[in-house]
Amino acid sequence: MKKQILGIIIVVVIAVAAVLFAPVAFAGNVTVPLTKVTFNETTGSLSFDHAGNTTSTVTAYEYYYLIRPGGWFRTSENKVNATAGQANINITLVFSTPSGGSSLPMQTLSGVALGNRTHTIYLSIDQGQHLSGTYRLTVTIDAAVKSAGASTFTTQSPKGFDLVWKVP
């Protein structure tokens, strides 16, 4: 009976240690830099506005247990109208770091309603933001739009923007 209790205590201690030490081990530090990029995109006119970013430092626990599970790219619909038509949207992201550049996975929204959305991108150690230095994110948006009553999609000219920031 005492061996069983001792075994359970050992398992619990190992589990607690894993929960407490794993994020720091993965991050290589207790804190990690996090840049949050937000912009609004309107399909139909393929425009964007309010592109901006904030860089902060969060704990490895916040990052691995609260931020990362929600995904590094998030979209919320503000004002969309499915009866106005639909769109296929591609968002291409090129992330340049002090050690070089790389493309992040293209984000595709297929068959979405026309209207306004807010996109939020979380960049941190998983995407290559871990050193001090200057970072750049190049965002290119292209869309094919099918207005209500139309039989085919019309491709709009790609549009985009650059954001540059420093991580201390």
C-alpha atoms as a PDB file:
ATOM      1  CA  MET A   1       0.000   0.000   0.000  1.00  0.00           C
ATOM      2  CA  LYS A   2       2.814   2.451   0.881  1.00  0.00           C
ATOM      3  CA  LYS A   3       4.617   1.610  -2.374  1.00  0.00           C
ATOM      4  CA  GLN A   4       1.479   2.479  -4.350  1.00  0.00           C
ATOM      5  CA  ILE A   5       1.140   5.840  -2.599  1.00  0.00           C
ATOM      6  CA  LEU A   6       4.829   6.537  -3.103  1.00  0.00           C
ATOM      7  CA  GLY A   7       4.444   5.651  -6.797  1.00  0.00           C
ATOM      8  CA  ILE A   8       1.490   8.038  -7.141  1.00  0.00           C
ATOM      9  CA  ILE A   9       3.427  10.823  -5.409  1.00  0.00           C
ATOM     10  CA  ILE A  10       6.381  10.310  -7.748  1.00  0.00           C
ATOM     11  CA  VAL A  11       4.117  10.453 -10.817  1.00  0.00           C
ATOM     12  CA  VAL A  12       2.472  13.653  -9.537  1.00  0.00           C
ATOM     13  CA  VAL A  13       5.855  15.266  -8.839  1.00  0.00           C
ATOM     14  CA  ILE A  14       7.087  14.370 -12.338  1.00  0.00           C
ATOM     15  CA  ALA A  15       3.895  15.758 -13.925  1.00  0.00           C
ATOM     16  CA  VAL A  16       4.135  19.012 -11.965  1.00  0.00           C
ATOM     17  CA  ALA A  17       7.810  19.358 -12.855  1.00  0.00           C
ATOM     18  CA  ALA A  18       7.010  18.840 -16.539  1.00  0.00           C
ATOM     19  CA  VAL A  19       4.309  21.531 -16.440  1.00  0.00           C
ATOM     20  CA  LEU A  20       6.607  23.967 -14.633  1.00  0.00           C
ATOM     21  CA  PHE A  21       9.877  23.371 -16.466  1.00  0.00           C
ATOM     22  CA  ALA A  22       8.846  22.419 -20.023  1.00  0.00           C
ATOM     23  CA  PRO A  23       7.953  25.959 -21.215  1.00  0.00           C
ATOM     24  CA  VAL A  24      11.241  27.378 -19.938  1.00  0.00           C
ATOM     25  CA  ALA A  25      13.173  24.488 -21.479  1.00  0.00           C
ATOM     26  CA  PHE A  26      11.447  24.936 -24.866  1.00  0.00           C
ATOM     27  CA  ALA A  27      11.883  28.725 -24.810  1.00  0.00           C
ATOM     28  CA  GLY A  28      15.414  28.627 -23.477  1.00  0.00           C
ATOM     29  CA  ASN A  29      14.504  31.438 -21.107  1.00  0.00           C
ATOM     30  CA  VAL A  30      11.855  32.434 -18.576  1.00  0.00           C
ATOM     31  CA  THR A  31      10.656  35.262 -20.862  1.00  0.00           C
ATOM     32  CA  VAL A  32      10.193  35.486 -24.628  1.00  0.00           C
ATOM     33  CA  PRO A  33       9.668  38.438 -26.984  1.00  0.00           C
ATOM     34  CA  LEU A  34       6.200  38.585 -28.522  1.00  0.00           C
ATOM     35  CA  THR A  35       5.139  40.872 -31.356  1.00  0.00           C
ATOM     36  CA  LYS A  36       1.444  41.237 -32.042  1.00  0.00           C
ATOM     37  CA  VAL A  37       0.628  42.514 -35.553  1.00  0.00           C
ATOM     38  CA  THR A  38      -2.952  43.590 -36.238  1.00  0.00           C
ATOM     39  CA  PHE A  39      -4.599  44.878 -39.413  1.00  0.00           C
ATOM     40  CA  ASN A  40      -8.069  45.211 -40.892  1.00  0.00           C
ATOM     41  CA  GLU A  41      -8.834  43.902 -44.364  1.00  0.00           C
ATOM     42  CA  THR A  42     -11.924  44.600 -46.441  1.00  0.00           C
ATOM     43  CA  THR A  43     -12.749  42.238 -49.282  1.00  0.00           C
ATOM     44  CA  GLY A  44     -14.745  43.603 -52.136  1.00  0.00           C
ATOM     45  CA  SER A  45     -12.513  46.664 -52.312  1.00  0.00           C
ATOM     46  CA  LEU A  46      -9.401  44.750 -51.159  1.00  0.00           C
ATOM     47  CA  SER A  47      -8.213  47.420 -48.831  1.00  0.00           C
ATOM     48  CA  PHE A  48      -6.554  47.295 -45.455  1.00  0.00           C
ATOM     49  CA  ASP A  49      -6.022  49.742 -42.653  1.00  0.00           C
ATOM     50  CA  HIS A  50      -4.873  50.098 -39.078  1.00  0.00           C
ATOM     51  CA  ALA A  51      -1.760  48.007 -39.668  1.00  0.00           C
ATOM     52  CA  GLY A  52       0.325  48.155 -36.544  1.00  0.00           C
ATOM     53  CA  ASN A  53       2.346  46.149 -34.111  1.00  0.00           C
ATOM     54  CA  THR A  54       3.322  46.028 -30.473  1.00  0.00           C
ATOM     55  CA  THR A  55       6.286  44.164 -29.034  1.00  0.00           C
ATOM     56  CA  SER A  56       6.371  43.023 -25.452  1.00  0.00           C
ATOM     57  CA  THR A  57       7.979  40.422 -23.268  1.00  0.00           C
ATOM     58  CA  VAL A  58       5.823  37.626 -21.873  1.00  0.00           C
ATOM     59  CA  THR A  59       6.703  34.692 -19.700  1.00  0.00           C
ATOM     60  CA  ALA A  60       7.304  31.345 -21.328  1.00  0.00           C
ATOM     61  CA  TYR A  61       4.269  30.123 -19.379  1.00  0.00           C
ATOM     62  CA  GLU A  62       2.015  32.815 -20.857  1.00  0.00           C
ATOM     63  CA  TYR A  63       3.282  32.055 -24.331  1.00  0.00           C
ATOM     64  CA  TYR A  64       3.026  28.255 -24.216  1.00  0.00           C
ATOM     65  CA  TYR A  65      -0.150  27.966 -22.144  1.00  0.00           C
ATOM     66  CA  LEU A  66      -2.229  31.008 -23.140  1.00  0.00           C
ATOM     67  CA  ILE A  67      -1.080  32.564 -26.431  1.00  0.00           C
ATOM     68  CA  ARG A  68       0.301  29.720 -28.531  1.00  0.00           C
ATOM     69  CA  PRO A  69      -2.739  27.382 -28.196  1.00  0.00           C
ATOM     70  CA  GLY A  70      -4.877  30.010 -29.971  1.00  0.00           C
ATOM     71  CA  GLY A  71      -2.646  29.876 -33.050  1.00  0.00           C
ATOM     72  CA  TRP A  72      -0.161  32.369 -34.439  1.00  0.00           C
ATOM     73  CA  PHE A  73      -2.623  33.708 -37.059  1.00  0.00           C
ATOM     74  CA  ARG A  74      -6.147  34.629 -36.020  1.00  0.00           C
ATOM     75  CA  THR A  75      -9.020  36.202 -37.926  1.00  0.00           C
ATOM     76  CA  SER A  76     -12.210  37.721 -36.606  1.00  0.00           C
ATOM     77  CA  GLU A  77     -15.073  38.944 -38.757  1.00  0.00           C
ATOM     78  CA  ASN A  78     -16.222  42.470 -37.963  1.00  0.00           C
ATOM     79  CA  LYS A  79     -18.848  43.243 -40.568  1.00  0.00           C
ATOM     80  CA  VAL A  80     -19.393  40.724 -43.350  1.00  0.00           C
ATOM     81  CA  ASN A  81     -22.296  40.169 -45.705  1.00  0.00           C
ATOM     82  CA  ALA A  82     -22.701  36.775 -47.334  1.00  0.00           C
ATOM     83  CA  THR A  83     -25.504  38.024 -49.591  1.00  0.00           C
ATOM     84  CA  ALA A  84     -23.106  40.575 -51.153  1.00  0.00           C
ATOM     85  CA  GLY A  85     -20.898  37.767 -52.457  1.00  0.00           C
ATOM     86  CA  GLN A  86     -17.906  35.684 -51.522  1.00  0.00           C
ATOM     87  CA  ALA A  87     -14.145  35.792 -51.774  1.00  0.00           C
ATOM     88  CA  ASN A  88     -11.076  33.597 -51.748  1.00  0.00           C
ATOM     89  CA  ILE A  89      -8.309  35.433 -49.907  1.00  0.00           C
ATOM     90  CA  ASN A  90      -4.596  34.587 -49.785  1.00  0.00           C
ATOM     91  CA  ILE A  91      -2.355  36.317 -47.278  1.00  0.00           C
ATOM     92  CA  THR A  92       1.360  35.840 -47.935  1.00  0.00           C
ATOM     93  CA  LEU A  93       3.753  36.601 -45.079  1.00  0.00           C
ATOM     94  CA  VAL A  94       7.516  37.047 -45.345  1.00  0.00           C
ATOM     95  CA  PHE A  95       9.261  37.426 -41.990  1.00  0.00           C
ATOM     96  CA  SER A  96      12.807  38.802 -41.966  1.00  0.00           C
ATOM     97  CA  THR A  97      14.874  38.280 -38.818  1.00  0.00           C
ATOM     98  CA  PRO A  98      18.423  39.363 -37.884  1.00  0.00           C
ATOM     99  CA  SER A  99      19.598  35.892 -38.925  1.00  0.00           C
ATOM    100  CA  GLY A 100      17.775  35.864 -42.285  1.00  0.00           C
ATOM    101  CA  GLY A 101      14.321  35.765 -43.785  1.00  0.00           C
ATOM    102  CA  SER A 102      11.720  33.106 -44.249  1.00  0.00           C
ATOM    103  CA  SER A 103       8.192  32.741 -45.478  1.00  0.00           C
ATOM    104  CA  LEU A 104       5.534  31.873 -42.977  1.00  0.00           C
ATOM    105  CA  PRO A 105       2.734  29.552 -44.102  1.00  0.00           C
ATOM    106  CA  MET A 106       0.306  31.266 -46.484  1.00  0.00           C
ATOM    107  CA  GLN A 107      -3.060  31.909 -44.890  1.00  0.00           C
ATOM    108  CA  THR A 108      -6.019  31.094 -47.138  1.00  0.00           C
ATOM    109  CA  LEU A 109      -9.623  32.010 -46.471  1.00  0.00           C
ATOM    110  CA  SER A 110     -11.837  30.269 -49.039  1.00  0.00           C
ATOM    111  CA  GLY A 111     -15.463  31.047 -49.781  1.00  0.00           C
ATOM    112  CA  VAL A 112     -15.750  33.741 -47.122  1.00  0.00           C
ATOM    113  CA  ALA A 113     -18.370  36.484 -47.137  1.00  0.00           C
ATOM    114  CA  LEU A 114     -17.439  39.929 -48.398  1.00  0.00           C
ATOM    115  CA  GLY A 115     -16.730  42.502 -45.747  1.00  0.00           C
ATOM    116  CA  ASN A 116     -14.336  43.582 -43.015  1.00  0.00           C
ATOM    117  CA  ARG A 117     -12.097  41.343 -40.920  1.00  0.00           C
ATOM    118  CA  THR A 118      -9.376  41.887 -38.358  1.00  0.00           C
ATOM    119  CA  HIS A 119      -6.297  39.693 -38.665  1.00  0.00           C
ATOM    120  CA  THR A 120      -3.920  39.268 -35.739  1.00  0.00           C
ATOM    121  CA  ILE A 121      -0.492  37.666 -36.090  1.00  0.00           C
ATOM    122  CA  TYR A 122       1.530  36.559 -33.068  1.00  0.00           C
ATOM    123  CA  LEU A 123       5.270  36.345 -33.771  1.00  0.00           C
ATOM    124  CA  SER A 124       7.606  34.834 -31.219  1.00  0.00           C
ATOM    125  CA  ILE A 125      10.165  32.089 -30.800  1.00  0.00           C
ATOM    126  CA  ASP A 126       8.233  29.580 -32.937  1.00  0.00           C
ATOM    127  CA  GLN A 127       8.403  31.932 -35.933  1.00  0.00           C
ATOM    128  CA  GLY A 128      12.048  32.907 -35.367  1.00  0.00           C
ATOM    129  CA  GLN A 129      11.789  36.001 -33.189  1.00  0.00           C
ATOM    130  CA  HIS A 130      14.199  35.265 -30.380  1.00  0.00           C
ATOM    131  CA  LEU A 131      17.283  37.453 -30.888  1.00  0.00           C
ATOM    132  CA  SER A 132      17.736  41.153 -30.314  1.00  0.00           C
ATOM    133  CA  GLY A 133      17.658  43.093 -33.551  1.00  0.00           C
ATOM    134  CA  THR A 134      15.499  44.455 -36.340  1.00  0.00           C
ATOM    135  CA  TYR A 135      12.592  42.444 -37.721  1.00  0.00           C
ATOM    136  CA  ARG A 136      10.411  43.008 -40.781  1.00  0.00           C
ATOM    137  CA  LEU A 137       7.079  41.512 -41.766  1.00  0.00           C
ATOM    138  CA  THR A 138       5.920  41.884 -45.361  1.00  0.00           C
ATOM    139  CA  VAL A 139       2.222  41.138 -45.830  1.00  0.00           C
ATOM    140  CA  THR A 140       0.711  40.688 -49.292  1.00  0.00           C
ATOM    141  CA  ILE A 141      -3.022  40.143 -49.735  1.00  0.00           C
ATOM    142  CA  ASP A 142      -4.638  38.955 -52.933  1.00  0.00           C
ATOM    143  CA  ALA A 143      -8.245  38.020 -53.403  1.00  0.00           C
ATOM    144  CA  ALA A 144     -10.652  36.674 -55.973  1.00  0.00           C
ATOM    145  CA  VAL A 145     -14.144  38.074 -55.486  1.00  0.00           C
ATOM    146  CA  LYS A 146     -17.485  36.865 -56.773  1.00  0.00           C
ATOM    147  CA  SER A 147     -20.196  39.472 -56.247  1.00  0.00           C
ATOM    148  CA  ALA A 148     -23.787  38.405 -55.707  1.00  0.00           C
ATOM    149  CA  GLY A 149     -25.292  37.321 -58.997  1.00  0.00           C
ATOM    150  CA  ALA A 150     -21.900  36.934 -60.725  1.00  0.00           C
ATOM    151  CA  SER A 151     -20.976  33.579 -62.231  1.00  0.00           C
ATOM    152  CA  THR A 152     -17.203  33.859 -61.939  1.00  0.00           C
ATOM    153  CA  PHE A 153     -14.571  35.181 -59.567  1.00  0.00           C
ATOM    154  CA  THR A 154     -12.709  38.395 -60.442  1.00  0.00           C
ATOM    155  CA  THR A 155      -9.087  38.608 -59.304  1.00  0.00           C
ATOM    156  CA  GLN A 156      -8.075  41.854 -57.665  1.00  0.00           C
ATOM    157  CA  SER A 157      -4.569  43.324 -57.756  1.00  0.00           C
ATOM    158  CA  PRO A 158      -2.498  42.266 -54.744  1.00  0.00           C
ATOM    159  CA  LYS A 159      -1.928  44.845 -52.042  1.00  0.00           C
ATOM    160  CA  GLY A 160       0.316  44.815 -49.038  1.00  0.00           C
ATOM    161  CA  PHE A 161       2.413  46.548 -46.443  1.00  0.00           C
ATOM    162  CA  ASP A 162       5.646  46.285 -44.466  1.00  0.00           C
ATOM    163  CA  LEU A 163       6.154  46.634 -40.748  1.00  0.00           C
ATOM    164  CA  VAL A 164       9.606  47.029 -39.186  1.00  0.00           C
ATOM    165  CA  TRP A 165      10.381  46.845 -35.465  1.00  0.00           C
ATOM    166  CA  LYS A 166      13.214  46.258 -33.050  1.00  0.00           C
ATOM    167  CA  VAL A 167      13.460  43.700 -30.288  1.00  0.00           C
ATOM    168  CA  PRO A 168      15.849  44.882 -27.544  1.00  0.00           C
END
